[in-house]
Structure formats: structure tokens, C-alpha cells
Amino acid sequence: MELKPGDKAPDFEVNDQDGNPVKLSDYKGKKVALYFYPKDNTPGCTAEACNLRDNYTELQKQGYEILGVSTDSEKSHKKFIEKQELPFKLLADTEKQIHEKYGTWIEKQMYGRKYMGTARYTFIIDEEGKIEKVIDKVKTKEHAAQILD
């Protein structure tokens, strides 16, 4: 299932880095940038998270809540947040339930080897819970500008 602008964003409930349950429906009335990334503390994912951190004030001024999603554990997310001083929540989708709903758990290939992994996608969700935009070509070092564009 491919989600596209105009579709209702699938609701979910998983824990954040502190073990608190987070539901997309909790953010009704707010714009959400739901970004999927492969792994905590890897070069591309760190560049992306730090770009969002460095532009967080502007993103908030424009009404965005940022939620990062990967299959890493709560503990891994907590360390990543502390190390990079990230001001937003990271969701521990260890069972891949959000990935499945958003179609971001895909077959990838590296050095000729096929494996399953996270597609780096961002879904911009409006105040009504509808998908406004899907960013499928994420520029890790300019990601905030892509969201604000």
C-alpha cells in the first residue's frame, strides 16, 4: 500500500525513548513531520537528526511537531537523543508496526546483498490527520528546508 497526499495517516501507538506511549491521534490539531530513518548514531541519520535539531525553533514556529521513527530500542533512542541533544521524540518501532502501516519497511540492496530495512521517508501530516506531503528523496543535511518548503 502506497500512501499519498490526501490519504488519512494511519494511527499507531508505540513507545518513545522514555517508554511513554505515543499515538499519532494525540497530535490532532497539529502538523506532524513523521520521519523514518534507518539507525541511531549512523552518519546519515545523525546528519538528518542534527539538521532537524538545528532548525527546530523554526519548525515549531511554523507549527510542526517532529517525530522520528526507527526500529531501534528505547534505550538506543535515549542515548542518541542525549548524545546529539535532540529536542524531539524518537519512537521505538521495534515490532515494525508503523513501518508496515506506512510502507517504509522495504527490501534494500548493498554490495549485491538483499536485506530488509527502513526506507528514509518523511510524511507531513496536517492538523486533520491527512497526509499533506511525502518526501521520498530526503536530503539528510537539508531536511528541515524540505519540510518547510
N, C-alpha and C. Protein backbone atom coordinates (compact mmCIF):
# COMPACT_ATOMS: atom_id res chain seq x y z
N MET A 1 0.85 -1.19 0.00
CA MET A 1 0.00 0.00 0.00
C MET A 1 0.89 1.25 0.00
N GLU A 2 0.66 2.08 -0.98
CA GLU A 2 1.45 3.30 -1.05
C GLU A 2 0.62 4.49 -0.58
N LEU A 3 1.07 5.15 0.47
CA LEU A 3 0.36 6.32 0.98
C LEU A 3 0.72 7.53 0.13
N LYS A 4 -0.27 8.38 -0.11
CA LYS A 4 -0.03 9.57 -0.93
C LYS A 4 -0.77 10.77 -0.32
N PRO A 5 -0.42 11.99 -0.76
CA PRO A 5 -1.11 13.17 -0.25
C PRO A 5 -2.63 13.03 -0.39
N GLY A 6 -3.33 13.43 0.68
CA GLY A 6 -4.78 13.32 0.71
C GLY A 6 -5.27 12.10 1.48
N ASP A 7 -4.41 11.07 1.62
CA ASP A 7 -4.78 9.88 2.39
C ASP A 7 -4.79 10.21 3.88
N LYS A 8 -5.63 9.49 4.61
CA LYS A 8 -5.62 9.62 6.07
C LYS A 8 -4.35 8.92 6.57
N ALA A 9 -3.61 9.59 7.44
CA ALA A 9 -2.40 9.00 8.01
C ALA A 9 -2.81 7.90 8.99
N PRO A 10 -2.27 6.69 8.83
CA PRO A 10 -2.62 5.60 9.75
C PRO A 10 -2.19 5.93 11.19
N ASP A 11 -3.10 5.70 12.12
CA ASP A 11 -2.77 5.93 13.54
C ASP A 11 -1.91 4.77 14.02
N PHE A 12 -1.21 5.02 15.11
CA PHE A 12 -0.34 4.00 15.68
C PHE A 12 -0.14 4.32 17.15
N GLU A 13 0.41 3.37 17.88
CA GLU A 13 0.81 3.60 19.27
C GLU A 13 2.06 2.77 19.54
N VAL A 14 3.15 3.46 19.81
CA VAL A 14 4.41 2.83 20.22
C VAL A 14 5.04 3.70 21.30
N ASN A 15 6.07 3.19 21.93
CA ASN A 15 6.74 3.95 22.98
C ASN A 15 7.81 4.88 22.43
N ASP A 16 7.98 6.00 23.12
CA ASP A 16 9.09 6.90 22.79
C ASP A 16 10.33 6.46 23.57
N GLN A 17 11.37 7.28 23.50
CA GLN A 17 12.65 6.95 24.13
C GLN A 17 12.56 6.79 25.64
N ASP A 18 11.51 7.35 26.26
CA ASP A 18 11.36 7.26 27.72
C ASP A 18 10.37 6.17 28.13
N GLY A 19 9.89 5.41 27.15
CA GLY A 19 8.93 4.35 27.47
C GLY A 19 7.50 4.83 27.56
N ASN A 20 7.24 6.09 27.17
CA ASN A 20 5.88 6.62 27.18
C ASN A 20 5.17 6.30 25.87
N PRO A 21 3.92 5.82 25.94
CA PRO A 21 3.20 5.53 24.70
C PRO A 21 2.88 6.82 23.94
N VAL A 22 3.06 6.76 22.62
CA VAL A 22 2.78 7.91 21.76
C VAL A 22 1.85 7.42 20.66
N LYS A 23 0.76 8.17 20.46
CA LYS A 23 -0.19 7.87 19.39
C LYS A 23 -0.21 9.06 18.44
N LEU A 24 -0.33 8.78 17.16
CA LEU A 24 -0.45 9.88 16.19
C LEU A 24 -1.68 10.72 16.50
N SER A 25 -2.76 10.06 16.91
CA SER A 25 -4.01 10.78 17.19
C SER A 25 -3.86 11.80 18.33
N ASP A 26 -2.83 11.63 19.17
CA ASP A 26 -2.57 12.63 20.23
C ASP A 26 -2.19 13.98 19.64
N TYR A 27 -1.79 14.00 18.37
CA TYR A 27 -1.30 15.22 17.73
C TYR A 27 -2.35 15.88 16.84
N LYS A 28 -3.59 15.44 16.95
CA LYS A 28 -4.66 16.07 16.15
C LYS A 28 -4.67 17.56 16.45
N GLY A 29 -4.79 18.37 15.40
CA GLY A 29 -4.77 19.82 15.58
C GLY A 29 -3.38 20.41 15.40
N LYS A 30 -2.39 19.53 15.22
CA LYS A 30 -1.01 19.99 14.98
C LYS A 30 -0.50 19.37 13.68
N LYS A 31 0.48 20.05 13.08
CA LYS A 31 1.15 19.48 11.91
C LYS A 31 2.27 18.59 12.42
N VAL A 32 2.43 17.43 11.81
CA VAL A 32 3.46 16.48 12.24
C VAL A 32 4.36 16.14 11.06
N ALA A 33 5.66 16.20 11.31
CA ALA A 33 6.63 15.66 10.36
C ALA A 33 7.08 14.33 10.95
N LEU A 34 6.56 13.24 10.37
CA LEU A 34 6.87 11.89 10.83
C LEU A 34 7.99 11.38 9.94
N TYR A 35 9.19 11.31 10.51
CA TYR A 35 10.31 10.91 9.65
C TYR A 35 10.87 9.55 10.04
N PHE A 36 11.06 8.72 9.02
CA PHE A 36 11.59 7.37 9.18
C PHE A 36 13.06 7.39 8.82
N TYR A 37 13.88 6.78 9.66
CA TYR A 37 15.32 6.74 9.39
C TYR A 37 15.85 5.36 9.80
N PRO A 38 16.93 4.91 9.12
CA PRO A 38 17.39 3.54 9.36
C PRO A 38 17.96 3.23 10.74
N LYS A 39 18.87 4.06 11.28
CA LYS A 39 19.56 3.63 12.50
C LYS A 39 20.14 4.78 13.29
N ASP A 40 19.97 4.74 14.61
CA ASP A 40 20.58 5.73 15.51
C ASP A 40 22.10 5.73 15.35
N ASN A 41 22.70 6.90 15.49
CA ASN A 41 24.17 7.05 15.54
C ASN A 41 24.90 6.57 14.29
N THR A 42 24.25 6.62 13.13
CA THR A 42 24.95 6.36 11.87
C THR A 42 25.10 7.70 11.17
N PRO A 43 26.08 7.85 10.28
CA PRO A 43 26.38 9.18 9.72
C PRO A 43 25.19 9.91 9.09
N GLY A 44 24.47 9.25 8.18
CA GLY A 44 23.34 9.92 7.52
C GLY A 44 22.21 10.26 8.48
N CYS A 45 21.92 9.34 9.37
CA CYS A 45 20.82 9.55 10.32
C CYS A 45 21.17 10.63 11.34
N THR A 46 22.44 10.69 11.72
CA THR A 46 22.89 11.73 12.64
C THR A 46 22.82 13.10 11.95
N ALA A 47 23.25 13.17 10.69
CA ALA A 47 23.19 14.43 9.93
C ALA A 47 21.74 14.90 9.84
N GLU A 48 20.82 13.98 9.55
CA GLU A 48 19.41 14.33 9.42
C GLU A 48 18.84 14.82 10.75
N ALA A 49 19.08 14.08 11.82
CA ALA A 49 18.57 14.45 13.15
C ALA A 49 19.13 15.80 13.60
N CYS A 50 20.42 16.03 13.34
CA CYS A 50 21.05 17.29 13.76
C CYS A 50 20.54 18.47 12.93
N ASN A 51 20.24 18.24 11.65
CA ASN A 51 19.66 19.30 10.83
C ASN A 51 18.28 19.68 11.37
N LEU A 52 17.49 18.69 11.77
CA LEU A 52 16.18 18.97 12.36
C LEU A 52 16.34 19.67 13.71
N ARG A 53 17.32 19.24 14.49
CA ARG A 53 17.59 19.88 15.79
C ARG A 53 17.97 21.35 15.59
N ASP A 54 18.87 21.61 14.64
CA ASP A 54 19.37 22.97 14.43
C ASP A 54 18.29 23.90 13.89
N ASN A 55 17.25 23.35 13.29
CA ASN A 55 16.15 24.16 12.73
C ASN A 55 14.85 23.96 13.49
N TYR A 56 14.95 23.37 14.68
CA TYR A 56 13.76 23.01 15.45
C TYR A 56 12.91 24.22 15.82
N THR A 57 13.53 25.31 16.20
CA THR A 57 12.79 26.51 16.59
C THR A 57 11.94 27.00 15.42
N GLU A 58 12.53 27.03 14.23
CA GLU A 58 11.79 27.48 13.04
C GLU A 58 10.67 26.50 12.69
N LEU A 59 10.96 25.20 12.80
CA LEU A 59 9.93 24.20 12.52
C LEU A 59 8.75 24.37 13.48
N GLN A 60 9.05 24.61 14.75
CA GLN A 60 7.99 24.80 15.74
C GLN A 60 7.21 26.09 15.47
N LYS A 61 7.94 27.14 15.07
CA LYS A 61 7.30 28.41 14.74
C LYS A 61 6.28 28.24 13.61
N GLN A 62 6.61 27.33 12.69
CA GLN A 62 5.72 27.03 11.56
C GLN A 62 4.64 26.00 11.95
N GLY A 63 4.64 25.59 13.21
CA GLY A 63 3.59 24.70 13.71
C GLY A 63 3.86 23.21 13.63
N TYR A 64 5.11 22.83 13.37
CA TYR A 64 5.42 21.40 13.22
C TYR A 64 5.85 20.74 14.52
N GLU A 65 5.35 19.52 14.71
CA GLU A 65 5.87 18.61 15.72
C GLU A 65 6.71 17.60 14.95
N ILE A 66 7.87 17.25 15.48
CA ILE A 66 8.76 16.29 14.81
C ILE A 66 8.72 14.98 15.58
N LEU A 67 8.51 13.88 14.85
CA LEU A 67 8.58 12.55 15.43
C LEU A 67 9.48 11.70 14.55
N GLY A 68 10.56 11.19 15.12
CA GLY A 68 11.46 10.30 14.39
C GLY A 68 11.09 8.86 14.67
N VAL A 69 11.19 8.01 13.65
CA VAL A 69 10.83 6.59 13.80
C VAL A 69 11.94 5.71 13.24
N SER A 70 12.40 4.77 14.05
CA SER A 70 13.28 3.71 13.54
C SER A 70 12.97 2.45 14.32
N THR A 71 13.62 1.36 13.94
CA THR A 71 13.37 0.08 14.62
C THR A 71 14.29 -0.09 15.83
N ASP A 72 15.06 0.94 16.17
CA ASP A 72 15.94 0.88 17.34
C ASP A 72 15.12 0.86 18.63
N SER A 73 15.75 0.40 19.70
CA SER A 73 15.10 0.29 21.01
C SER A 73 14.98 1.65 21.69
N GLU A 74 14.16 1.70 22.74
CA GLU A 74 14.01 2.92 23.54
C GLU A 74 15.38 3.35 24.08
N LYS A 75 16.15 2.37 24.57
CA LYS A 75 17.46 2.66 25.15
C LYS A 75 18.40 3.29 24.12
N SER A 76 18.41 2.74 22.91
CA SER A 76 19.24 3.27 21.83
C SER A 76 18.81 4.71 21.51
N HIS A 77 17.50 4.93 21.42
CA HIS A 77 16.97 6.28 21.14
C HIS A 77 17.39 7.27 22.23
N LYS A 78 17.29 6.83 23.48
CA LYS A 78 17.62 7.71 24.60
C LYS A 78 19.08 8.15 24.51
N LYS A 79 19.98 7.22 24.21
CA LYS A 79 21.41 7.54 24.07
C LYS A 79 21.64 8.51 22.91
N PHE A 80 20.96 8.26 21.79
CA PHE A 80 21.09 9.10 20.59
C PHE A 80 20.62 10.53 20.91
N ILE A 81 19.49 10.64 21.60
CA ILE A 81 18.95 11.95 21.97
C ILE A 81 19.92 12.69 22.88
N GLU A 82 20.45 11.99 23.88
CA GLU A 82 21.38 12.62 24.83
C GLU A 82 22.67 13.04 24.13
N LYS A 83 23.21 12.17 23.30
CA LYS A 83 24.47 12.45 22.61
C LYS A 83 24.34 13.65 21.65
N GLN A 84 23.22 13.71 20.92
CA GLN A 84 23.03 14.76 19.92
C GLN A 84 22.17 15.92 20.41
N GLU A 85 21.71 15.85 21.66
CA GLU A 85 20.85 16.90 22.25
C GLU A 85 19.63 17.18 21.37
N LEU A 86 18.92 16.12 21.04
CA LEU A 86 17.74 16.25 20.19
C LEU A 86 16.53 16.69 21.02
N PRO A 87 15.80 17.71 20.54
CA PRO A 87 14.67 18.24 21.31
C PRO A 87 13.32 17.59 20.99
N PHE A 88 13.32 16.54 20.16
CA PHE A 88 12.06 15.91 19.75
C PHE A 88 12.09 14.43 20.10
N LYS A 89 10.90 13.82 20.01
CA LYS A 89 10.75 12.40 20.38
C LYS A 89 11.20 11.48 19.27
N LEU A 90 11.78 10.35 19.69
CA LEU A 90 12.10 9.26 18.76
C LEU A 90 11.27 8.06 19.19
N LEU A 91 10.60 7.45 18.23
CA LEU A 91 9.70 6.35 18.51
C LEU A 91 10.37 5.01 18.22
N ALA A 92 10.25 4.10 19.18
CA ALA A 92 10.88 2.77 19.08
C ALA A 92 9.91 1.80 18.42
N ASP A 93 10.01 1.69 17.10
CA ASP A 93 9.11 0.82 16.34
C ASP A 93 9.76 -0.56 16.17
N THR A 94 10.10 -1.17 17.30
CA THR A 94 10.85 -2.44 17.28
C THR A 94 10.07 -3.57 16.61
N GLU A 95 8.73 -3.51 16.66
CA GLU A 95 7.90 -4.54 16.04
C GLU A 95 7.54 -4.17 14.59
N LYS A 96 8.03 -3.01 14.14
CA LYS A 96 7.81 -2.52 12.76
C LYS A 96 6.35 -2.27 12.42
N GLN A 97 5.52 -2.00 13.45
CA GLN A 97 4.09 -1.78 13.15
C GLN A 97 3.86 -0.46 12.40
N ILE A 98 4.61 0.59 12.73
CA ILE A 98 4.44 1.86 12.00
C ILE A 98 5.04 1.71 10.61
N HIS A 99 6.20 1.07 10.53
CA HIS A 99 6.85 0.84 9.24
C HIS A 99 5.89 0.11 8.28
N GLU A 100 5.20 -0.92 8.78
CA GLU A 100 4.28 -1.69 7.94
C GLU A 100 3.12 -0.80 7.47
N LYS A 101 2.55 -0.01 8.37
CA LYS A 101 1.41 0.84 8.01
C LYS A 101 1.79 1.91 6.99
N TYR A 102 3.03 2.40 7.06
CA TYR A 102 3.45 3.49 6.17
C TYR A 102 4.26 3.01 4.97
N GLY A 103 4.47 1.69 4.88
CA GLY A 103 5.17 1.13 3.73
C GLY A 103 6.65 1.47 3.68
N THR A 104 7.27 1.66 4.84
CA THR A 104 8.68 2.06 4.88
C THR A 104 9.63 0.92 5.24
N TRP A 105 9.10 -0.30 5.42
CA TRP A 105 9.95 -1.47 5.68
C TRP A 105 10.08 -2.18 4.33
N ILE A 106 11.23 -2.00 3.69
CA ILE A 106 11.37 -2.43 2.29
C ILE A 106 12.62 -3.29 2.08
N GLU A 107 12.64 -3.95 0.93
CA GLU A 107 13.84 -4.69 0.55
C GLU A 107 14.86 -3.69 0.02
N LYS A 108 16.08 -3.78 0.54
CA LYS A 108 17.16 -2.90 0.12
C LYS A 108 18.30 -3.78 -0.40
N GLN A 109 19.28 -3.12 -0.98
CA GLN A 109 20.42 -3.87 -1.51
C GLN A 109 21.70 -3.09 -1.25
N MET A 110 22.71 -3.78 -0.75
CA MET A 110 24.02 -3.17 -0.55
C MET A 110 25.08 -4.21 -0.91
N TYR A 111 26.02 -3.81 -1.74
CA TYR A 111 27.09 -4.72 -2.19
C TYR A 111 26.52 -6.02 -2.74
N GLY A 112 25.39 -5.91 -3.46
CA GLY A 112 24.79 -7.08 -4.08
C GLY A 112 23.96 -7.95 -3.13
N ARG A 113 23.98 -7.62 -1.84
CA ARG A 113 23.24 -8.41 -0.86
C ARG A 113 21.87 -7.75 -0.60
N LYS A 114 20.82 -8.54 -0.66
CA LYS A 114 19.48 -8.02 -0.39
C LYS A 114 19.15 -8.21 1.09
N TYR A 115 18.47 -7.23 1.65
CA TYR A 115 18.05 -7.32 3.05
C TYR A 115 16.86 -6.39 3.27
N MET A 116 16.17 -6.56 4.38
CA MET A 116 15.04 -5.68 4.72
C MET A 116 15.54 -4.55 5.60
N GLY A 117 15.02 -3.35 5.33
CA GLY A 117 15.45 -2.19 6.12
C GLY A 117 14.47 -1.03 5.96
N THR A 118 14.78 0.06 6.63
CA THR A 118 13.93 1.24 6.64
C THR A 118 14.21 2.13 5.43
N ALA A 119 13.15 2.51 4.75
CA ALA A 119 13.25 3.50 3.68
C ALA A 119 13.22 4.87 4.35
N ARG A 120 14.12 5.75 3.96
CA ARG A 120 14.19 7.09 4.55
C ARG A 120 13.10 7.96 3.90
N TYR A 121 11.97 8.03 4.57
CA TYR A 121 10.81 8.79 4.09
C TYR A 121 10.37 9.74 5.19
N THR A 122 9.73 10.85 4.79
CA THR A 122 9.09 11.73 5.75
C THR A 122 7.67 12.00 5.28
N PHE A 123 6.74 11.86 6.20
CA PHE A 123 5.33 12.14 5.92
C PHE A 123 4.94 13.41 6.66
N ILE A 124 4.47 14.40 5.91
CA ILE A 124 3.96 15.63 6.51
C ILE A 124 2.46 15.42 6.67
N ILE A 125 2.01 15.47 7.92
CA ILE A 125 0.62 15.19 8.26
C ILE A 125 -0.03 16.48 8.77
N ASP A 126 -1.17 16.83 8.19
CA ASP A 126 -1.82 18.10 8.57
C ASP A 126 -2.60 17.97 9.88
N GLU A 127 -3.19 19.07 10.30
CA GLU A 127 -3.91 19.16 11.57
C GLU A 127 -5.09 18.20 11.65
N GLU A 128 -5.62 17.79 10.48
CA GLU A 128 -6.77 16.88 10.43
C GLU A 128 -6.35 15.42 10.38
N GLY A 129 -5.03 15.17 10.34
CA GLY A 129 -4.57 13.78 10.28
C GLY A 129 -4.46 13.24 8.86
N LYS A 130 -4.45 14.15 7.90
CA LYS A 130 -4.29 13.74 6.49
C LYS A 130 -2.85 13.98 6.04
N ILE A 131 -2.38 13.12 5.14
CA ILE A 131 -1.03 13.29 4.61
C ILE A 131 -1.05 14.44 3.62
N GLU A 132 -0.20 15.43 3.90
CA GLU A 132 -0.11 16.63 3.07
C GLU A 132 0.97 16.44 2.01
N LYS A 133 2.07 15.81 2.42
CA LYS A 133 3.21 15.66 1.52
C LYS A 133 4.02 14.44 1.94
N VAL A 134 4.61 13.76 0.94
CA VAL A 134 5.51 12.64 1.21
C VAL A 134 6.86 13.01 0.62
N ILE A 135 7.88 13.05 1.47
CA ILE A 135 9.24 13.35 0.99
C ILE A 135 9.96 12.01 0.87
N ASP A 136 10.22 11.59 -0.37
CA ASP A 136 10.86 10.29 -0.58
C ASP A 136 12.32 10.42 -1.00
N LYS A 137 12.74 11.63 -1.27
CA LYS A 137 14.17 11.85 -1.58
C LYS A 137 14.72 12.81 -0.52
N VAL A 138 14.92 12.26 0.66
CA VAL A 138 15.35 13.05 1.81
C VAL A 138 16.81 13.46 1.64
N LYS A 139 17.06 14.76 1.79
CA LYS A 139 18.44 15.26 1.82
C LYS A 139 18.77 15.44 3.30
N THR A 140 19.61 14.53 3.81
CA THR A 140 19.84 14.49 5.26
C THR A 140 20.35 15.81 5.83
N LYS A 141 21.19 16.52 5.08
CA LYS A 141 21.77 17.76 5.60
C LYS A 141 20.87 18.98 5.36
N GLU A 142 19.77 18.81 4.63
CA GLU A 142 18.86 19.93 4.34
C GLU A 142 17.41 19.54 4.61
N HIS A 143 17.22 18.61 5.52
CA HIS A 143 15.88 18.05 5.69
C HIS A 143 14.85 19.05 6.19
N ALA A 144 15.23 19.92 7.12
CA ALA A 144 14.29 20.92 7.64
C ALA A 144 13.77 21.80 6.51
N ALA A 145 14.65 22.19 5.59
CA ALA A 145 14.24 23.04 4.46
C ALA A 145 13.24 22.29 3.58
N GLN A 146 13.41 20.98 3.42
CA GLN A 146 12.47 20.20 2.63
C GLN A 146 11.08 20.18 3.31
N ILE A 147 11.06 20.10 4.61
CA ILE A 147 9.80 20.09 5.36
C ILE A 147 9.12 21.44 5.23
N LEU A 148 9.89 22.51 5.41
CA LEU A 148 9.33 23.86 5.39
C LEU A 148 8.96 24.36 3.99
N ASP A 149 9.49 23.70 2.96
CA ASP A 149 9.28 24.10 1.58
C ASP A 149 7.82 24.02 1.17
